[in-house]
Amino acid sequence: MLENIKLLLNINNNSKDALLQLLIQQAEDEAKDFTHREDVCELQSTIERMVVYNYNRIGTEGLNSESYSGTSYNYTTDYPEQILKMLKRYRKIVTL
């Protein structure tokens, strides 16, 4: 998984491995929590997308939008619909 993420992010060395491993663990925890499953191996490509999304959001956490020299950037506070759709496909219904 780490090598796929590094490929997607165009990272060619090991300088970001610790950060990426942390983001992988966080994404796996989020996927487990959202889907109510302990085994999320079927969600590897989704978790990779979550990690890339979270990596690209570093430094903009908590921002909704910003503007520089007439150019505006809007940030979503949730994962993109494509990622959510993949997570929802594996979500188990929990009865109380």
PDB file of N, CA and C in Angstrom:
ATOM      1  N   MET A   1       0.824  -1.188   0.000  1.00  0.00           N
ATOM      2  CA  MET A   1       0.000   0.000   0.000  1.00  0.00           C
ATOM      3  C   MET A   1       0.871   1.257   0.000  1.00  0.00           C
ATOM      4  N   LEU A   2       1.917   1.256   0.812  1.00  0.00           N
ATOM      5  CA  LEU A   2       2.795   2.428   0.899  1.00  0.00           C
ATOM      6  C   LEU A   2       3.393   2.770  -0.458  1.00  0.00           C
ATOM      7  N   GLU A   3       3.841   1.758  -1.191  1.00  0.00           N
ATOM      8  CA  GLU A   3       4.455   2.012  -2.504  1.00  0.00           C
ATOM      9  C   GLU A   3       3.437   2.595  -3.489  1.00  0.00           C
ATOM     10  N   ASN A   4       2.198   2.115  -3.454  1.00  0.00           N
ATOM     11  CA  ASN A   4       1.154   2.667  -4.330  1.00  0.00           C
ATOM     12  C   ASN A   4       0.897   4.134  -4.005  1.00  0.00           C
ATOM     13  N   ILE A   5       0.846   4.459  -2.726  1.00  0.00           N
ATOM     14  CA  ILE A   5       0.593   5.836  -2.308  1.00  0.00           C
ATOM     15  C   ILE A   5       1.745   6.741  -2.729  1.00  0.00           C
ATOM     16  N   LYS A   6       2.975   6.256  -2.546  1.00  0.00           N
ATOM     17  CA  LYS A   6       4.136   7.044  -2.960  1.00  0.00           C
ATOM     18  C   LYS A   6       4.117   7.273  -4.473  1.00  0.00           C
ATOM     19  N   LEU A   7       3.693   6.282  -5.219  1.00  0.00           N
ATOM     20  CA  LEU A   7       3.581   6.416  -6.669  1.00  0.00           C
ATOM     21  C   LEU A   7       2.531   7.471  -7.033  1.00  0.00           C
ATOM     22  N   LEU A   8       1.378   7.414  -6.371  1.00  0.00           N
ATOM     23  CA  LEU A   8       0.318   8.389  -6.632  1.00  0.00           C
ATOM     24  C   LEU A   8       0.744   9.814  -6.290  1.00  0.00           C
ATOM     25  N   LEU A   9       1.568   9.952  -5.245  1.00  0.00           N
ATOM     26  CA  LEU A   9       2.015  11.273  -4.800  1.00  0.00           C
ATOM     27  C   LEU A   9       3.342  11.694  -5.435  1.00  0.00           C
ATOM     28  N   ASN A  10       3.894  10.848  -6.280  1.00  0.00           N
ATOM     29  CA  ASN A  10       5.163  11.119  -6.941  1.00  0.00           C
ATOM     30  C   ASN A  10       6.289  11.345  -5.924  1.00  0.00           C
ATOM     31  N   ILE A  11       6.330  10.497  -4.911  1.00  0.00           N
ATOM     32  CA  ILE A  11       7.387  10.543  -3.898  1.00  0.00           C
ATOM     33  C   ILE A  11       8.369   9.426  -4.228  1.00  0.00           C
ATOM     34  N   ASN A  12       9.630   9.799  -4.458  1.00  0.00           N
ATOM     35  CA  ASN A  12      10.622   8.844  -4.946  1.00  0.00           C
ATOM     36  C   ASN A  12      11.665   8.444  -3.917  1.00  0.00           C
ATOM     37  N   ASN A  13      11.470   8.815  -2.653  1.00  0.00           N
ATOM     38  CA  ASN A  13      12.426   8.440  -1.615  1.00  0.00           C
ATOM     39  C   ASN A  13      11.653   8.044  -0.356  1.00  0.00           C
ATOM     40  N   ASN A  14      12.381   7.810   0.716  1.00  0.00           N
ATOM     41  CA  ASN A  14      11.745   7.344   1.955  1.00  0.00           C
ATOM     42  C   ASN A  14      11.521   8.460   2.966  1.00  0.00           C
ATOM     43  N   SER A  15      11.688   9.705   2.581  1.00  0.00           N
ATOM     44  CA  SER A  15      11.634  10.815   3.532  1.00  0.00           C
ATOM     45  C   SER A  15      10.247  11.022   4.144  1.00  0.00           C
ATOM     46  N   LYS A  16       9.214  10.583   3.486  1.00  0.00           N
ATOM     47  CA  LYS A  16       7.839  10.776   3.972  1.00  0.00           C
ATOM     48  C   LYS A  16       7.197   9.487   4.476  1.00  0.00           C
ATOM     49  N   ASP A  17       7.972   8.412   4.583  1.00  0.00           N
ATOM     50  CA  ASP A  17       7.401   7.110   4.948  1.00  0.00           C
ATOM     51  C   ASP A  17       6.708   7.122   6.307  1.00  0.00           C
ATOM     52  N   ALA A  18       7.315   7.744   7.314  1.00  0.00           N
ATOM     53  CA  ALA A  18       6.703   7.761   8.651  1.00  0.00           C
ATOM     54  C   ALA A  18       5.366   8.499   8.623  1.00  0.00           C
ATOM     55  N   LEU A  19       5.321   9.631   7.935  1.00  0.00           N
ATOM     56  CA  LEU A  19       4.078  10.399   7.811  1.00  0.00           C
ATOM     57  C   LEU A  19       3.032   9.591   7.057  1.00  0.00           C
ATOM     58  N   LEU A  20       3.436   8.962   5.963  1.00  0.00           N
ATOM     59  CA  LEU A  20       2.489   8.178   5.181  1.00  0.00           C
ATOM     60  C   LEU A  20       1.977   6.971   5.962  1.00  0.00           C
ATOM     61  N   GLN A  21       2.829   6.332   6.752  1.00  0.00           N
ATOM     62  CA  GLN A  21       2.387   5.208   7.577  1.00  0.00           C
ATOM     63  C   GLN A  21       1.349   5.666   8.603  1.00  0.00           C
ATOM     64  N   LEU A  22       1.575   6.846   9.187  1.00  0.00           N
ATOM     65  CA  LEU A  22       0.602   7.397  10.124  1.00  0.00           C
ATOM     66  C   LEU A  22      -0.724   7.684   9.426  1.00  0.00           C
ATOM     67  N   LEU A  23      -0.671   8.275   8.237  1.00  0.00           N
ATOM     68  CA  LEU A  23      -1.897   8.566   7.482  1.00  0.00           C
ATOM     69  C   LEU A  23      -2.610   7.287   7.068  1.00  0.00           C
ATOM     70  N   ILE A  24      -1.856   6.244   6.752  1.00  0.00           N
ATOM     71  CA  ILE A  24      -2.460   4.947   6.420  1.00  0.00           C
ATOM     72  C   ILE A  24      -3.211   4.408   7.629  1.00  0.00           C
ATOM     73  N   GLN A  25      -2.572   4.435   8.793  1.00  0.00           N
ATOM     74  CA  GLN A  25      -3.217   3.930  10.008  1.00  0.00           C
ATOM     75  C   GLN A  25      -4.483   4.719  10.332  1.00  0.00           C
ATOM     76  N   GLN A  26      -4.410   6.035  10.200  1.00  0.00           N
ATOM     77  CA  GLN A  26      -5.587   6.871  10.468  1.00  0.00           C
ATOM     78  C   GLN A  26      -6.708   6.568   9.477  1.00  0.00           C
ATOM     79  N   ALA A  27      -6.373   6.404   8.209  1.00  0.00           N
ATOM     80  CA  ALA A  27      -7.386   6.107   7.192  1.00  0.00           C
ATOM     81  C   ALA A  27      -8.009   4.733   7.441  1.00  0.00           C
ATOM     82  N   GLU A  28      -7.188   3.752   7.824  1.00  0.00           N
ATOM     83  CA  GLU A  28      -7.732   2.433   8.143  1.00  0.00           C
ATOM     84  C   GLU A  28      -8.680   2.507   9.337  1.00  0.00           C
ATOM     85  N   ASP A  29      -8.301   3.272  10.358  1.00  0.00           N
ATOM     86  CA  ASP A  29      -9.169   3.444  11.527  1.00  0.00           C
ATOM     87  C   ASP A  29     -10.488   4.115  11.137  1.00  0.00           C
ATOM     88  N   GLU A  30     -10.415   5.139  10.296  1.00  0.00           N
ATOM     89  CA  GLU A  30     -11.636   5.817   9.837  1.00  0.00           C
ATOM     90  C   GLU A  30     -12.512   4.866   9.036  1.00  0.00           C
ATOM     91  N   ALA A  31     -11.897   4.062   8.164  1.00  0.00           N
ATOM     92  CA  ALA A  31     -12.657   3.117   7.347  1.00  0.00           C
ATOM     93  C   ALA A  31     -13.335   2.072   8.232  1.00  0.00           C
ATOM     94  N   LYS A  32     -12.617   1.575   9.245  1.00  0.00           N
ATOM     95  CA  LYS A  32     -13.201   0.601  10.172  1.00  0.00           C
ATOM     96  C   LYS A  32     -14.375   1.215  10.928  1.00  0.00           C
ATOM     97  N   ASP A  33     -14.199   2.436  11.381  1.00  0.00           N
ATOM     98  CA  ASP A  33     -15.254   3.114  12.129  1.00  0.00           C
ATOM     99  C   ASP A  33     -16.475   3.366  11.255  1.00  0.00           C
ATOM    100  N   PHE A  34     -16.251   3.794  10.031  1.00  0.00           N
ATOM    101  CA  PHE A  34     -17.357   4.132   9.134  1.00  0.00           C
ATOM    102  C   PHE A  34     -18.104   2.889   8.673  1.00  0.00           C
ATOM    103  N   THR A  35     -17.357   1.828   8.347  1.00  0.00           N
ATOM    104  CA  THR A  35     -17.990   0.634   7.790  1.00  0.00           C
ATOM    105  C   THR A  35     -18.432  -0.370   8.849  1.00  0.00           C
ATOM    106  N   HIS A  36     -17.997  -0.165  10.102  1.00  0.00           N
ATOM    107  CA  HIS A  36     -18.301  -1.090  11.185  1.00  0.00           C
ATOM    108  C   HIS A  36     -17.699  -2.468  10.912  1.00  0.00           C
ATOM    109  N   ARG A  37     -16.530  -2.490  10.286  1.00  0.00           N
ATOM    110  CA  ARG A  37     -15.818  -3.739   9.989  1.00  0.00           C
ATOM    111  C   ARG A  37     -14.430  -3.677  10.611  1.00  0.00           C
ATOM    112  N   GLU A  38     -13.944  -4.819  11.066  1.00  0.00           N
ATOM    113  CA  GLU A  38     -12.578  -4.898  11.591  1.00  0.00           C
ATOM    114  C   GLU A  38     -11.568  -5.161  10.484  1.00  0.00           C
ATOM    115  N   ASP A  39     -11.997  -5.851   9.440  1.00  0.00           N
ATOM    116  CA  ASP A  39     -11.118  -6.181   8.324  1.00  0.00           C
ATOM    117  C   ASP A  39     -11.479  -5.283   7.136  1.00  0.00           C
ATOM    118  N   VAL A  40     -10.556  -4.419   6.784  1.00  0.00           N
ATOM    119  CA  VAL A  40     -10.812  -3.485   5.681  1.00  0.00           C
ATOM    120  C   VAL A  40      -9.859  -3.735   4.505  1.00  0.00           C
ATOM    121  N   CYS A  41      -9.351  -4.976   4.391  1.00  0.00           N
ATOM    122  CA  CYS A  41      -8.407  -5.276   3.310  1.00  0.00           C
ATOM    123  C   CYS A  41      -9.059  -5.108   1.937  1.00  0.00           C
ATOM    124  N   GLU A  42     -10.368  -5.298   1.845  1.00  0.00           N
ATOM    125  CA  GLU A  42     -11.067  -5.095   0.573  1.00  0.00           C
ATOM    126  C   GLU A  42     -11.121  -3.624   0.172  1.00  0.00           C
ATOM    127  N   LEU A  43     -10.822  -2.737   1.112  1.00  0.00           N
ATOM    128  CA  LEU A  43     -10.892  -1.303   0.868  1.00  0.00           C
ATOM    129  C   LEU A  43      -9.521  -0.680   0.617  1.00  0.00           C
ATOM    130  N   GLN A  44      -8.541  -1.485   0.204  1.00  0.00           N
ATOM    131  CA  GLN A  44      -7.187  -0.967   0.042  1.00  0.00           C
ATOM    132  C   GLN A  44      -7.125   0.227  -0.900  1.00  0.00           C
ATOM    133  N   SER A  45      -7.744   0.160  -2.067  1.00  0.00           N
ATOM    134  CA  SER A  45      -7.675   1.283  -3.006  1.00  0.00           C
ATOM    135  C   SER A  45      -8.399   2.506  -2.447  1.00  0.00           C
ATOM    136  N   THR A  46      -9.468   2.291  -1.703  1.00  0.00           N
ATOM    137  CA  THR A  46     -10.182   3.401  -1.081  1.00  0.00           C
ATOM    138  C   THR A  46      -9.314   4.043  -0.003  1.00  0.00           C
ATOM    139  N   ILE A  47      -8.657   3.226   0.802  1.00  0.00           N
ATOM    140  CA  ILE A  47      -7.776   3.744   1.845  1.00  0.00           C
ATOM    141  C   ILE A  47      -6.616   4.509   1.216  1.00  0.00           C
ATOM    142  N   GLU A  48      -6.088   4.009   0.106  1.00  0.00           N
ATOM    143  CA  GLU A  48      -5.023   4.729  -0.597  1.00  0.00           C
ATOM    144  C   GLU A  48      -5.510   6.110  -1.041  1.00  0.00           C
ATOM    145  N   ARG A  49      -6.724   6.182  -1.563  1.00  0.00           N
ATOM    146  CA  ARG A  49      -7.288   7.477  -1.966  1.00  0.00           C
ATOM    147  C   ARG A  49      -7.491   8.401  -0.766  1.00  0.00           C
ATOM    148  N   MET A  50      -7.917   7.821   0.361  1.00  0.00           N
ATOM    149  CA  MET A  50      -8.093   8.619   1.572  1.00  0.00           C
ATOM    150  C   MET A  50      -6.757   9.199   2.033  1.00  0.00           C
ATOM    151  N   VAL A  51      -5.708   8.399   1.968  1.00  0.00           N
ATOM    152  CA  VAL A  51      -4.380   8.859   2.382  1.00  0.00           C
ATOM    153  C   VAL A  51      -3.892   9.977   1.459  1.00  0.00           C
ATOM    154  N   VAL A  52      -4.046   9.805   0.161  1.00  0.00           N
ATOM    155  CA  VAL A  52      -3.631  10.856  -0.788  1.00  0.00           C
ATOM    156  C   VAL A  52      -4.408  12.135  -0.523  1.00  0.00           C
ATOM    157  N   TYR A  53      -5.712  12.011  -0.301  1.00  0.00           N
ATOM    158  CA  TYR A  53      -6.546  13.179  -0.003  1.00  0.00           C
ATOM    159  C   TYR A  53      -6.059  13.874   1.268  1.00  0.00           C
ATOM    160  N   ASN A  54      -5.830  13.097   2.328  1.00  0.00           N
ATOM    161  CA  ASN A  54      -5.383  13.670   3.598  1.00  0.00           C
ATOM    162  C   ASN A  54      -3.980  14.266   3.493  1.00  0.00           C
ATOM    163  N   TYR A  55      -3.109  13.634   2.739  1.00  0.00           N
ATOM    164  CA  TYR A  55      -1.759  14.162   2.533  1.00  0.00           C
ATOM    165  C   TYR A  55      -1.829  15.528   1.843  1.00  0.00           C
ATOM    166  N   ASN A  56      -2.674  15.616   0.840  1.00  0.00           N
ATOM    167  CA  ASN A  56      -2.806  16.875   0.096  1.00  0.00           C
ATOM    168  C   ASN A  56      -3.497  17.968   0.910  1.00  0.00           C
ATOM    169  N   ARG A  57      -4.198  17.590   1.967  1.00  0.00           N
ATOM    170  CA  ARG A  57      -4.867  18.564   2.832  1.00  0.00           C
ATOM    171  C   ARG A  57      -3.973  19.081   3.960  1.00  0.00           C
ATOM    172  N   ILE A  58      -2.784  18.509   4.120  1.00  0.00           N
ATOM    173  CA  ILE A  58      -1.881  18.946   5.190  1.00  0.00           C
ATOM    174  C   ILE A  58      -1.577  20.429   4.991  1.00  0.00           C
ATOM    175  N   GLY A  59      -1.779  21.191   6.053  1.00  0.00           N
ATOM    176  CA  GLY A  59      -1.559  22.637   6.001  1.00  0.00           C
ATOM    177  C   GLY A  59      -2.828  23.434   5.762  1.00  0.00           C
ATOM    178  N   THR A  60      -3.903  22.739   5.368  1.00  0.00           N
ATOM    179  CA  THR A  60      -5.174  23.441   5.140  1.00  0.00           C
ATOM    180  C   THR A  60      -6.274  22.909   6.051  1.00  0.00           C
ATOM    181  N   GLU A  61      -5.892  22.145   7.077  1.00  0.00           N
ATOM    182  CA  GLU A  61      -6.880  21.600   7.997  1.00  0.00           C
ATOM    183  C   GLU A  61      -7.663  22.737   8.647  1.00  0.00           C
ATOM    184  N   GLY A  62      -8.946  22.576   8.706  1.00  0.00           N
ATOM    185  CA  GLY A  62      -9.787  23.569   9.350  1.00  0.00           C
ATOM    186  C   GLY A  62     -10.194  24.729   8.459  1.00  0.00           C
ATOM    187  N   LEU A  63      -9.625  24.828   7.262  1.00  0.00           N
ATOM    188  CA  LEU A  63      -9.996  25.920   6.359  1.00  0.00           C
ATOM    189  C   LEU A  63     -11.178  25.507   5.495  1.00  0.00           C
ATOM    190  N   ASN A  64     -12.087  26.449   5.293  1.00  0.00           N
ATOM    191  CA  ASN A  64     -13.188  26.231   4.357  1.00  0.00           C
ATOM    192  C   ASN A  64     -12.874  26.828   3.005  1.00  0.00           C
ATOM    193  N   SER A  65     -12.187  27.971   3.014  1.00  0.00           N
ATOM    194  CA  SER A  65     -11.790  28.618   1.770  1.00  0.00           C
ATOM    195  C   SER A  65     -10.696  29.633   2.072  1.00  0.00           C
ATOM    196  N   GLU A  66      -9.973  30.009   1.029  1.00  0.00           N
ATOM    197  CA  GLU A  66      -8.979  31.063   1.144  1.00  0.00           C
ATOM    198  C   GLU A  66      -8.832  31.715  -0.217  1.00  0.00           C
ATOM    199  N   SER A  67      -8.289  32.926  -0.219  1.00  0.00           N
ATOM    200  CA  SER A  67      -8.160  33.681  -1.457  1.00  0.00           C
ATOM    201  C   SER A  67      -6.804  34.374  -1.494  1.00  0.00           C
ATOM    202  N   TYR A  68      -6.145  34.263  -2.648  1.00  0.00           N
ATOM    203  CA  TYR A  68      -4.861  34.922  -2.870  1.00  0.00           C
ATOM    204  C   TYR A  68      -4.894  35.616  -4.215  1.00  0.00           C
ATOM    205  N   SER A  69      -4.614  36.890  -4.216  1.00  0.00           N
ATOM    206  CA  SER A  69      -4.491  37.663  -5.456  1.00  0.00           C
ATOM    207  C   SER A  69      -5.631  37.392  -6.429  1.00  0.00           C
ATOM    208  N   GLY A  70      -6.844  37.385  -5.923  1.00  0.00           N
ATOM    209  CA  GLY A  70      -8.011  37.205  -6.778  1.00  0.00           C
ATOM    210  C   GLY A  70      -8.344  35.764  -7.108  1.00  0.00           C
ATOM    211  N   THR A  71      -7.570  34.824  -6.615  1.00  0.00           N
ATOM    212  CA  THR A  71      -7.838  33.412  -6.848  1.00  0.00           C
ATOM    213  C   THR A  71      -8.369  32.802  -5.565  1.00  0.00           C
ATOM    214  N   SER A  72      -9.526  32.172  -5.651  1.00  0.00           N
ATOM    215  CA  SER A  72     -10.156  31.570  -4.475  1.00  0.00           C
ATOM    216  C   SER A  72     -10.004  30.061  -4.503  1.00  0.00           C
ATOM    217  N   TYR A  73      -9.806  29.489  -3.322  1.00  0.00           N
ATOM    218  CA  TYR A  73      -9.733  28.047  -3.152  1.00  0.00           C
ATOM    219  C   TYR A  73     -10.777  27.643  -2.123  1.00  0.00           C
ATOM    220  N   ASN A  74     -11.613  26.669  -2.474  1.00  0.00           N
ATOM    221  CA  ASN A  74     -12.615  26.150  -1.558  1.00  0.00           C
ATOM    222  C   ASN A  74     -12.220  24.735  -1.158  1.00  0.00           C
ATOM    223  N   TYR A  75     -12.346  24.439   0.117  1.00  0.00           N
ATOM    224  CA  TYR A  75     -11.995  23.120   0.635  1.00  0.00           C
ATOM    225  C   TYR A  75     -13.238  22.464   1.190  1.00  0.00           C
ATOM    226  N   THR A  76     -13.347  21.170   0.949  1.00  0.00           N
ATOM    227  CA  THR A  76     -14.451  20.433   1.551  1.00  0.00           C
ATOM    228  C   THR A  76     -13.991  19.946   2.917  1.00  0.00           C
ATOM    229  N   THR A  77     -14.911  19.801   3.823  1.00  0.00           N
ATOM    230  CA  THR A  77     -14.574  19.329   5.159  1.00  0.00           C
ATOM    231  C   THR A  77     -14.754  17.823   5.284  1.00  0.00           C
ATOM    232  N   ASP A  78     -15.205  17.189   4.232  1.00  0.00           N
ATOM    233  CA  ASP A  78     -15.445  15.760   4.226  1.00  0.00           C
ATOM    234  C   ASP A  78     -14.725  15.159   3.025  1.00  0.00           C
ATOM    235  N   TYR A  79     -14.659  13.847   2.968  1.00  0.00           N
ATOM    236  CA  TYR A  79     -14.052  13.199   1.815  1.00  0.00           C
ATOM    237  C   TYR A  79     -14.906  13.457   0.575  1.00  0.00           C
ATOM    238  N   PRO A  80     -14.282  13.453  -0.594  1.00  0.00           N
ATOM    239  CA  PRO A  80     -15.049  13.608  -1.843  1.00  0.00           C
ATOM    240  C   PRO A  80     -16.077  12.489  -1.989  1.00  0.00           C
ATOM    241  N   GLU A  81     -17.110  12.746  -2.730  1.00  0.00           N
ATOM    242  CA  GLU A  81     -18.218  11.810  -2.907  1.00  0.00           C
ATOM    243  C   GLU A  81     -17.743  10.457  -3.432  1.00  0.00           C
ATOM    244  N   GLN A  82     -16.745  10.446  -4.292  1.00  0.00           N
ATOM    245  CA  GLN A  82     -16.242   9.188  -4.843  1.00  0.00           C
ATOM    246  C   GLN A  82     -15.700   8.276  -3.739  1.00  0.00           C
ATOM    247  N   ILE A  83     -14.967   8.839  -2.784  1.00  0.00           N
ATOM    248  CA  ILE A  83     -14.443   8.051  -1.670  1.00  0.00           C
ATOM    249  C   ILE A  83     -15.582   7.591  -0.765  1.00  0.00           C
ATOM    250  N   LEU A  84     -16.504   8.494  -0.452  1.00  0.00           N
ATOM    251  CA  LEU A  84     -17.642   8.129   0.402  1.00  0.00           C
ATOM    252  C   LEU A  84     -18.488   7.035  -0.231  1.00  0.00           C
ATOM    253  N   LYS A  85     -18.655   7.095  -1.528  1.00  0.00           N
ATOM    254  CA  LYS A  85     -19.443   6.086  -2.231  1.00  0.00           C
ATOM    255  C   LYS A  85     -18.800   4.707  -2.085  1.00  0.00           C
ATOM    256  N   MET A  86     -17.471   4.656  -2.202  1.00  0.00           N
ATOM    257  CA  MET A  86     -16.775   3.375  -2.050  1.00  0.00           C
ATOM    258  C   MET A  86     -16.875   2.862  -0.620  1.00  0.00           C
ATOM    259  N   LEU A  87     -16.780   3.753   0.359  1.00  0.00           N
ATOM    260  CA  LEU A  87     -16.907   3.344   1.762  1.00  0.00           C
ATOM    261  C   LEU A  87     -18.315   2.836   2.053  1.00  0.00           C
ATOM    262  N   LYS A  88     -19.314   3.536   1.541  1.00  0.00           N
ATOM    263  CA  LYS A  88     -20.704   3.154   1.800  1.00  0.00           C
ATOM    264  C   LYS A  88     -21.026   1.773   1.246  1.00  0.00           C
ATOM    265  N   ARG A  89     -20.362   1.384   0.181  1.00  0.00           N
ATOM    266  CA  ARG A  89     -20.598   0.077  -0.432  1.00  0.00           C
ATOM    267  C   ARG A  89     -20.264  -1.059   0.539  1.00  0.00           C
ATOM    268  N   TYR A  90     -19.320  -0.832   1.452  1.00  0.00           N
ATOM    269  CA  TYR A  90     -18.889  -1.872   2.390  1.00  0.00           C
ATOM    270  C   TYR A  90     -19.422  -1.667   3.804  1.00  0.00           C
ATOM    271  N   ARG A  91     -20.288  -0.695   3.979  1.00  0.00           N
ATOM    272  CA  ARG A  91     -20.788  -0.378   5.327  1.00  0.00           C
ATOM    273  C   ARG A  91     -21.773  -1.443   5.788  1.00  0.00           C
ATOM    274  N   LYS A  92     -21.568  -1.921   7.013  1.00  0.00           N
ATOM    275  CA  LYS A  92     -22.481  -2.873   7.628  1.00  0.00           C
ATOM    276  C   LYS A  92     -23.494  -2.090   8.472  1.00  0.00           C
ATOM    277  N   ILE A  93     -24.723  -2.551   8.454  1.00  0.00           N
ATOM    278  CA  ILE A  93     -25.763  -1.972   9.280  1.00  0.00           C
ATOM    279  C   ILE A  93     -25.586  -2.506  10.695  1.00  0.00           C
ATOM    280  N   VAL A  94     -25.562  -1.608  11.656  1.00  0.00           N
ATOM    281  CA  VAL A  94     -25.418  -2.013  13.050  1.00  0.00           C
ATOM    282  C   VAL A  94     -26.753  -1.839  13.740  1.00  0.00           C
ATOM    283  N   THR A  95     -27.232  -2.917  14.339  1.00  0.00           N
ATOM    284  CA  THR A  95     -28.491  -2.840  15.082  1.00  0.00           C
ATOM    285  C   THR A  95     -28.184  -2.731  16.557  1.00  0.00           C
ATOM    286  N   LEU A  96     -28.977  -1.974  17.232  1.00  0.00           N
ATOM    287  CA  LEU A  96     -28.756  -1.763  18.672  1.00  0.00           C
ATOM    288  C   LEU A  96     -29.618  -2.653  19.508  1.00  0.00           C
TER     289      LEU A  96
END
